[in-house]
Amino acid sequence: MLVNHLSASAAEIVSGALQDHDRAWILGETTFGKGLVQTVFPLAENTGLALTTYKYYTPSGRLIQRDYSNISFFDYYYRNNTEARNPQDVKMTDSGRTVYGGGGITPDEKYIAPKLDALESQLYRRYAFFNFTKNYFGTHSAKLPEGWAPDSIVMTEFHNWLLKQGGFEFSEADFTRDHEYIKRGLQSTMYTTAFSVDDSRRFDIQTDPMVQKAIEAMPKAQALLDSARKVMVQRMSH
């Protein structure tokens, strides 16, 4: 199961339950830590009071909610400091692995997606792939063969288009370094026009570095399940 620091609430309930029962290998970042439930009490003049009335716990009894005392609302929501956990809230999974509560769900294997570099950030912020695709299919057929990928000609067209737009700051070394990122971005965006949104999303998932990492971790997930089953069998035999 893949999670990151923005995985919250229901995502944490599900991932925490699977982890407690040793039914999933959790990969990614410590989750957000949102495990509160509010009840709205109606007041006069179409107003209401949202009052926290419940807390969510995982099956082992871990509190999902991250501590928000002594910090500002902004820090809680946007600082993304989700690594904190309560050392007093120690629990065990079904097979006896140690897990902690009070700070979201800590993954079994940590993975942090690489941050965008300067050129990648520019392309993302300025919708470069979308705008180029719109321009490209204005002069090219929108019908592409199955399995199509940008070749050197398309990559050169994109490179020259960036230079004509102005405002994009990059060197030839930058463009070469980010070649795979750019190729993937173009292919994903152009698939939306040439095929469908579903085809684009399918391509994104198939080429996502975190998904690739998860595929590599599948033997660990299988080993976890096998180990948990052995422990349960041993317990039942005593």
Protein backbone atom coordinates (compact mmCIF):
# COMPACT_ATOMS: atom_id res chain seq x y z
CA MET A 1 0.00 0.00 0.00
CA LEU A 2 1.37 3.41 -1.02
CA VAL A 3 1.01 6.39 1.31
CA ASN A 4 2.57 9.82 1.74
CA HIS A 5 2.35 12.79 4.12
CA LEU A 6 -0.98 13.82 2.56
CA SER A 7 -2.67 10.44 3.13
CA ALA A 8 -5.24 11.28 5.78
CA SER A 9 -8.36 10.17 7.62
CA ALA A 10 -9.97 7.19 5.84
CA ALA A 11 -6.69 6.38 4.08
CA GLU A 12 -5.01 6.11 7.49
CA ILE A 13 -7.78 3.96 8.92
CA VAL A 14 -7.44 1.48 6.05
CA SER A 15 -3.63 1.43 5.91
CA GLY A 16 -3.40 1.21 9.72
CA ALA A 17 -5.83 -1.71 9.85
CA LEU A 18 -3.97 -3.61 7.13
CA GLN A 19 -0.66 -2.96 8.87
CA ASP A 20 -1.99 -4.06 12.27
CA HIS A 21 -3.18 -7.34 10.75
CA ASP A 22 0.05 -7.80 8.73
CA ARG A 23 -1.96 -7.85 5.52
CA ALA A 24 -0.06 -5.12 3.64
CA TRP A 25 3.47 -3.80 3.30
CA ILE A 26 3.13 -0.02 3.75
CA LEU A 27 5.51 1.98 1.55
CA GLY A 28 6.07 5.74 1.47
CA GLU A 29 6.00 8.50 4.09
CA THR A 30 4.43 8.76 7.52
CA THR A 31 0.80 9.73 6.94
CA PHE A 32 -0.83 13.03 7.90
CA GLY A 33 -2.25 12.03 11.28
CA LYS A 34 -5.91 13.07 11.04
CA GLY A 35 -8.09 10.87 13.23
CA LEU A 36 -10.77 13.14 14.66
CA VAL A 37 -14.51 13.23 14.01
CA GLN A 38 -16.59 16.38 14.38
CA THR A 39 -20.29 16.62 15.17
CA VAL A 40 -22.04 19.81 14.08
CA PHE A 41 -24.49 21.23 16.64
CA PRO A 42 -26.96 23.69 15.04
CA LEU A 43 -27.12 27.16 16.58
CA ALA A 44 -29.26 30.23 15.96
CA GLU A 45 -29.30 32.20 12.69
CA ASN A 46 -28.12 29.35 10.44
CA THR A 47 -24.88 28.83 12.35
CA GLY A 48 -23.41 25.75 13.95
CA LEU A 49 -20.68 24.55 16.27
CA ALA A 50 -18.34 21.85 14.96
CA LEU A 51 -17.21 20.00 18.04
CA THR A 52 -14.72 17.11 18.08
CA THR A 53 -16.59 14.15 19.55
CA TYR A 54 -14.68 11.03 18.47
CA LYS A 55 -11.16 9.77 17.80
CA TYR A 56 -10.14 7.04 15.40
CA TYR A 57 -7.94 4.15 16.52
CA THR A 58 -6.47 1.27 14.53
CA PRO A 59 -7.45 -2.32 15.46
CA SER A 60 -4.40 -2.64 17.74
CA GLY A 61 -5.49 0.49 19.60
CA ARG A 62 -3.14 3.06 18.06
CA LEU A 63 -4.41 6.62 18.00
CA ILE A 64 -4.21 7.95 14.45
CA GLN A 65 -4.43 11.65 15.37
CA ARG A 66 -1.17 13.63 15.41
CA ASP A 67 -0.60 15.90 18.40
CA TYR A 68 -1.58 19.47 17.51
CA SER A 69 -1.15 21.07 20.91
CA ASN A 70 1.16 24.08 21.20
CA ILE A 71 1.36 24.65 17.43
CA SER A 72 -0.55 26.94 15.11
CA PHE A 73 -3.31 25.89 12.72
CA PHE A 74 -0.98 26.73 9.82
CA ASP A 75 1.87 24.60 11.16
CA TYR A 76 -0.43 21.64 11.70
CA TYR A 77 -1.79 21.69 8.17
CA TYR A 78 1.12 22.92 6.07
CA ARG A 79 4.46 22.23 7.75
CA ASN A 80 4.08 18.53 6.95
CA ASN A 81 6.01 17.52 10.06
CA THR A 82 4.37 14.13 10.26
CA GLU A 83 7.33 12.20 11.64
CA ALA A 84 6.29 12.75 15.28
CA ARG A 85 4.86 9.81 17.21
CA ASN A 86 3.92 9.09 20.79
CA PRO A 87 6.58 6.81 22.36
CA GLN A 88 4.04 5.91 25.06
CA ASP A 89 1.53 4.63 22.50
CA VAL A 90 3.25 1.33 21.68
CA LYS A 91 1.24 -1.50 20.18
CA MET A 92 1.82 -4.79 18.37
CA THR A 93 0.61 -6.11 15.05
CA ASP A 94 -0.95 -9.59 14.87
CA SER A 95 2.48 -11.14 14.27
CA GLY A 96 4.17 -9.14 17.04
CA ARG A 97 5.74 -6.26 15.13
CA THR A 98 6.05 -3.02 17.10
CA VAL A 99 4.02 -0.03 15.87
CA TYR A 100 3.39 3.39 17.35
CA GLY A 101 0.36 5.65 17.55
CA GLY A 102 -0.18 9.36 17.96
CA GLY A 103 1.40 10.44 14.70
CA GLY A 104 -0.22 8.92 11.66
CA ILE A 105 0.79 5.58 10.16
CA THR A 106 4.53 4.97 9.88
CA PRO A 107 5.37 2.99 6.74
CA ASP A 108 7.15 -0.36 6.87
CA GLU A 109 9.49 0.96 4.19
CA LYS A 110 10.21 4.65 3.77
CA TYR A 111 10.14 6.18 0.30
CA ILE A 112 10.20 9.90 -0.47
CA ALA A 113 9.60 10.91 -4.07
CA PRO A 114 12.49 12.97 -5.48
CA LYS A 115 11.83 16.70 -5.56
CA LEU A 116 11.52 18.52 -8.86
CA ASP A 117 14.63 20.37 -9.98
CA ALA A 118 14.58 23.94 -11.37
CA LEU A 119 13.64 23.04 -14.95
CA GLU A 120 11.07 20.44 -13.93
CA SER A 121 9.45 22.97 -11.59
CA GLN A 122 9.20 25.52 -14.40
CA LEU A 123 7.57 23.00 -16.73
CA TYR A 124 5.10 21.99 -14.03
CA ARG A 125 4.17 25.50 -12.89
CA ARG A 126 3.72 26.90 -16.38
CA TYR A 127 1.71 23.96 -17.80
CA ALA A 128 4.37 23.48 -20.47
CA PHE A 129 3.33 19.97 -21.47
CA PHE A 130 -0.34 20.94 -21.81
CA ASN A 131 0.36 24.10 -23.80
CA PHE A 132 2.84 22.38 -26.10
CA THR A 133 0.41 19.51 -26.71
CA LYS A 134 -2.32 21.97 -27.69
CA ASN A 135 0.09 23.67 -30.09
CA TYR A 136 1.46 20.37 -31.42
CA PHE A 137 -1.90 18.88 -32.36
CA GLY A 138 -2.79 22.13 -34.09
CA THR A 139 -0.38 21.12 -36.86
CA HIS A 140 -0.14 17.33 -36.42
CA SER A 141 -2.65 14.51 -36.50
CA ALA A 142 -4.20 13.70 -33.12
CA LYS A 143 -4.17 10.01 -34.04
CA LEU A 144 -1.17 8.23 -32.59
CA PRO A 145 -0.28 4.53 -32.87
CA GLU A 146 -0.69 2.31 -29.83
CA GLY A 147 2.37 2.44 -27.59
CA TRP A 148 3.54 5.73 -29.11
CA ALA A 149 6.29 7.61 -27.31
CA PRO A 150 7.94 10.96 -28.10
CA ASP A 151 10.93 10.45 -30.39
CA SER A 152 13.93 12.72 -30.92
CA ILE A 153 11.97 14.84 -33.40
CA VAL A 154 9.17 15.58 -30.90
CA MET A 155 11.69 16.23 -28.14
CA THR A 156 13.51 18.71 -30.38
CA GLU A 157 10.22 20.41 -31.26
CA PHE A 158 9.44 20.76 -27.56
CA HIS A 159 12.92 22.10 -26.84
CA ASN A 160 12.60 24.73 -29.57
CA TRP A 161 9.06 25.61 -28.49
CA LEU A 162 10.30 26.32 -24.97
CA LEU A 163 12.95 28.68 -26.32
CA LYS A 164 10.35 30.56 -28.39
CA GLN A 165 8.01 31.00 -25.42
CA GLY A 166 10.49 33.01 -23.41
CA GLY A 167 10.74 32.93 -19.66
CA PHE A 168 12.01 29.36 -19.44
CA GLU A 169 15.52 29.38 -18.03
CA PHE A 170 17.56 26.24 -18.67
CA SER A 171 20.80 25.08 -20.19
CA GLU A 172 21.34 22.29 -22.68
CA ALA A 173 22.75 20.25 -19.82
CA ASP A 174 19.51 20.81 -17.87
CA PHE A 175 17.41 19.60 -20.78
CA THR A 176 19.59 16.52 -21.24
CA ARG A 177 19.51 15.71 -17.52
CA ASP A 178 15.70 15.93 -17.40
CA HIS A 179 15.20 14.06 -20.67
CA GLU A 180 13.25 11.16 -19.12
CA TYR A 181 11.05 13.44 -17.00
CA ILE A 182 10.22 15.55 -20.06
CA LYS A 183 9.56 12.50 -22.23
CA ARG A 184 7.19 11.03 -19.64
CA GLY A 185 5.40 14.36 -19.20
CA LEU A 186 4.86 14.77 -22.93
CA GLN A 187 3.72 11.19 -23.41
CA SER A 188 1.23 11.38 -20.54
CA THR A 189 -0.27 14.69 -21.69
CA MET A 190 -0.42 13.76 -25.36
CA TYR A 191 -2.11 10.45 -24.52
CA THR A 192 -5.04 12.43 -23.10
CA THR A 193 -5.70 14.01 -26.50
CA ALA A 194 -4.73 11.07 -28.72
CA PHE A 195 -6.41 8.35 -26.64
CA SER A 196 -8.19 9.14 -23.36
CA VAL A 197 -7.74 10.39 -19.81
CA ASP A 198 -7.79 6.77 -18.61
CA ASP A 199 -4.93 5.86 -20.96
CA SER A 200 -2.95 8.84 -19.71
CA ARG A 201 -3.50 7.89 -16.08
CA ARG A 202 -2.63 4.26 -16.80
CA PHE A 203 0.67 5.39 -18.32
CA ASP A 204 1.35 7.66 -15.31
CA ILE A 205 0.88 4.75 -12.92
CA GLN A 206 2.97 2.34 -14.96
CA THR A 207 5.91 4.76 -15.06
CA ASP A 208 5.60 6.28 -11.58
CA PRO A 209 8.88 5.80 -9.63
CA MET A 210 6.99 5.05 -6.41
CA VAL A 211 4.91 2.38 -8.13
CA GLN A 212 8.10 0.86 -9.52
CA LYS A 213 9.52 0.82 -5.99
CA ALA A 214 6.36 -0.85 -4.74
CA ILE A 215 6.63 -3.58 -7.37
CA GLU A 216 10.19 -4.23 -6.21
CA ALA A 217 8.88 -4.52 -2.63
CA MET A 218 6.28 -7.19 -3.44
CA PRO A 219 8.54 -10.04 -2.20
CA LYS A 220 8.74 -8.24 1.17
CA ALA A 221 4.94 -8.08 1.28
CA GLN A 222 4.75 -11.79 0.53
CA ALA A 223 7.35 -12.56 3.21
CA LEU A 224 5.36 -10.50 5.72
CA LEU A 225 2.18 -12.43 4.95
CA ASP A 226 3.97 -15.79 5.17
CA SER A 227 5.55 -14.85 8.49
CA ALA A 228 2.24 -13.63 9.93
CA ARG A 229 0.51 -16.87 8.91
CA LYS A 230 3.19 -18.97 10.63
CA VAL A 231 2.84 -16.97 13.84
CA MET A 232 -0.94 -17.35 13.81
CA VAL A 233 -0.67 -21.11 13.22
CA GLN A 234 1.79 -21.45 16.11
CA ARG A 235 -0.54 -19.54 18.44
CA MET A 236 -3.50 -21.72 17.50
CA SER A 237 -1.51 -24.89 18.14
CA HIS A 238 -0.73 -23.91 21.75
